[in-house]
N, C-alpha and C. Protein backbone atom coordinates (compact mmCIF):
# COMPACT_ATOMS: atom_id res chain seq x y z
N UNK A 1 -0.82 -14.01 29.19
CA UNK A 1 -1.61 -13.70 27.98
C UNK A 1 -1.06 -12.44 27.41
N UNK A 2 -0.81 -12.31 26.11
CA UNK A 2 -0.41 -11.17 25.43
C UNK A 2 -1.60 -10.44 24.93
N UNK A 3 -1.53 -9.19 24.88
CA UNK A 3 -2.52 -8.24 24.32
C UNK A 3 -2.19 -8.13 22.69
N UNK A 4 -3.00 -8.77 21.87
CA UNK A 4 -2.68 -8.68 20.44
C UNK A 4 -3.48 -7.60 19.73
N UNK A 5 -4.45 -7.05 20.34
CA UNK A 5 -5.27 -6.05 19.76
C UNK A 5 -4.63 -4.96 18.93
N UNK A 6 -3.43 -4.35 19.51
CA UNK A 6 -2.83 -3.44 18.70
C UNK A 6 -1.97 -3.95 17.41
N UNK A 7 -1.52 -5.16 17.59
CA UNK A 7 -0.96 -5.73 16.43
C UNK A 7 -2.01 -5.95 15.29
N UNK A 8 -3.27 -6.48 15.65
CA UNK A 8 -4.20 -6.86 14.77
C UNK A 8 -4.70 -5.49 14.09
N UNK A 9 -4.82 -4.47 14.96
CA UNK A 9 -5.20 -3.15 14.38
C UNK A 9 -4.24 -2.63 13.45
N UNK A 10 -3.04 -2.80 13.56
CA UNK A 10 -1.88 -2.42 12.78
C UNK A 10 -1.95 -3.09 11.35
N UNK A 11 -2.21 -4.41 11.51
CA UNK A 11 -2.31 -5.33 10.27
C UNK A 11 -3.54 -4.83 9.46
N UNK A 12 -4.69 -4.53 10.14
CA UNK A 12 -5.78 -4.04 9.41
C UNK A 12 -5.57 -2.86 8.67
N UNK A 13 -4.83 -1.93 9.32
CA UNK A 13 -4.61 -0.50 8.79
C UNK A 13 -3.67 -0.85 7.49
N UNK A 14 -2.68 -1.62 7.62
CA UNK A 14 -1.72 -1.72 6.53
C UNK A 14 -2.56 -2.34 5.37
N UNK A 15 -3.35 -3.26 5.62
CA UNK A 15 -4.17 -4.12 4.61
C UNK A 15 -5.07 -3.10 3.76
N UNK A 16 -5.67 -2.31 4.63
CA UNK A 16 -6.54 -1.24 4.05
C UNK A 16 -5.88 -0.25 3.23
N UNK A 17 -4.66 0.26 3.80
CA UNK A 17 -3.86 1.14 3.00
C UNK A 17 -3.43 0.55 1.65
N UNK A 18 -2.92 -0.58 1.82
CA UNK A 18 -2.48 -1.32 0.57
C UNK A 18 -3.58 -1.56 -0.47
N UNK A 19 -4.78 -1.83 -0.05
CA UNK A 19 -5.89 -1.93 -0.92
C UNK A 19 -6.21 -0.57 -1.60
N UNK A 20 -6.16 0.48 -0.77
CA UNK A 20 -6.49 1.79 -1.38
C UNK A 20 -5.47 2.17 -2.33
N UNK A 21 -4.25 1.87 -2.11
CA UNK A 21 -3.12 2.21 -3.04
C UNK A 21 -3.29 1.38 -4.42
N UNK A 22 -3.62 0.03 -4.15
CA UNK A 22 -3.86 -0.73 -5.35
C UNK A 22 -5.04 -0.31 -6.19
N UNK A 23 -6.10 0.16 -5.55
CA UNK A 23 -7.28 0.72 -6.23
C UNK A 23 -6.86 2.02 -6.98
N UNK A 24 -6.03 3.09 -6.41
CA UNK A 24 -5.69 4.11 -7.20
C UNK A 24 -4.80 3.75 -8.33
N UNK A 25 -3.88 2.83 -8.11
CA UNK A 25 -3.00 2.40 -9.23
C UNK A 25 -3.84 1.83 -10.38
N UNK A 26 -4.85 0.97 -10.11
CA UNK A 26 -5.54 0.44 -11.04
C UNK A 26 -6.56 1.46 -11.84
N UNK A 27 -7.09 2.40 -11.13
CA UNK A 27 -7.79 3.45 -11.62
C UNK A 27 -6.99 4.23 -12.54
N UNK A 28 -5.74 4.63 -12.18
CA UNK A 28 -4.83 5.38 -13.10
C UNK A 28 -4.49 4.55 -14.38
N UNK A 29 -4.35 3.31 -14.21
CA UNK A 29 -4.00 2.54 -15.34
C UNK A 29 -5.31 2.33 -16.24
N UNK A 30 -6.34 2.32 -15.80
CA UNK A 30 -7.59 2.20 -16.56
C UNK A 30 -7.94 3.55 -17.26
N UNK A 31 -7.47 4.61 -16.66
CA UNK A 31 -7.57 5.96 -17.34
C UNK A 31 -6.74 6.03 -18.45
N UNK A 32 -5.70 5.33 -18.46
CA UNK A 32 -4.68 5.23 -19.77
C UNK A 32 -5.06 4.21 -20.70
N UNK A 33 -6.05 3.36 -20.47
CA UNK A 33 -6.48 2.26 -21.25
C UNK A 33 -5.37 1.22 -21.25
N UNK A 34 -4.83 0.99 -20.05
CA UNK A 34 -3.71 0.02 -20.02
C UNK A 34 -4.30 -1.21 -19.24
N UNK A 35 -4.37 -2.30 -19.86
CA UNK A 35 -5.00 -3.53 -19.18
C UNK A 35 -3.89 -4.63 -19.22
N UNK A 36 -3.81 -5.36 -18.09
CA UNK A 36 -2.91 -6.62 -18.02
C UNK A 36 -3.41 -7.69 -19.04
N UNK A 37 -4.73 -7.66 -19.15
CA UNK A 37 -5.28 -8.67 -20.17
C UNK A 37 -6.25 -8.06 -21.08
N UNK A 38 -6.00 -8.11 -22.32
CA UNK A 38 -6.99 -7.41 -23.27
C UNK A 38 -7.44 -8.44 -24.30
N UNK A 39 -8.72 -8.98 -24.22
CA UNK A 39 -9.18 -10.04 -25.02
C UNK A 39 -9.07 -9.70 -26.41
N UNK A 40 -9.25 -8.62 -26.92
CA UNK A 40 -9.18 -8.31 -28.38
C UNK A 40 -7.78 -8.28 -28.83
N UNK A 41 -6.82 -8.01 -27.94
CA UNK A 41 -5.39 -8.04 -28.31
C UNK A 41 -4.77 -9.50 -28.17
N UNK A 42 -5.16 -10.20 -27.18
CA UNK A 42 -4.54 -11.56 -26.93
C UNK A 42 -5.46 -12.69 -27.58
N UNK A 43 -5.49 -12.69 -28.90
CA UNK A 43 -6.29 -13.62 -29.51
C UNK A 43 -5.53 -14.94 -29.72
N UNK A 44 -6.07 -15.99 -29.36
CA UNK A 44 -5.36 -17.39 -29.54
C UNK A 44 -5.64 -17.78 -30.89
N UNK A 45 -4.53 -18.28 -31.51
CA UNK A 45 -4.66 -18.69 -32.99
C UNK A 45 -4.66 -20.23 -33.10
């Protein structure tokens, strides 16, 4: 039987680091008023 605890710990670390980086990017974009979807701009005709 293999010990998978270190592998699972590494995966959790990478996921949490990715989540933190994603949050920082979205905060930076929000501060510049950049949105992927802007309801007032994307009006369907």
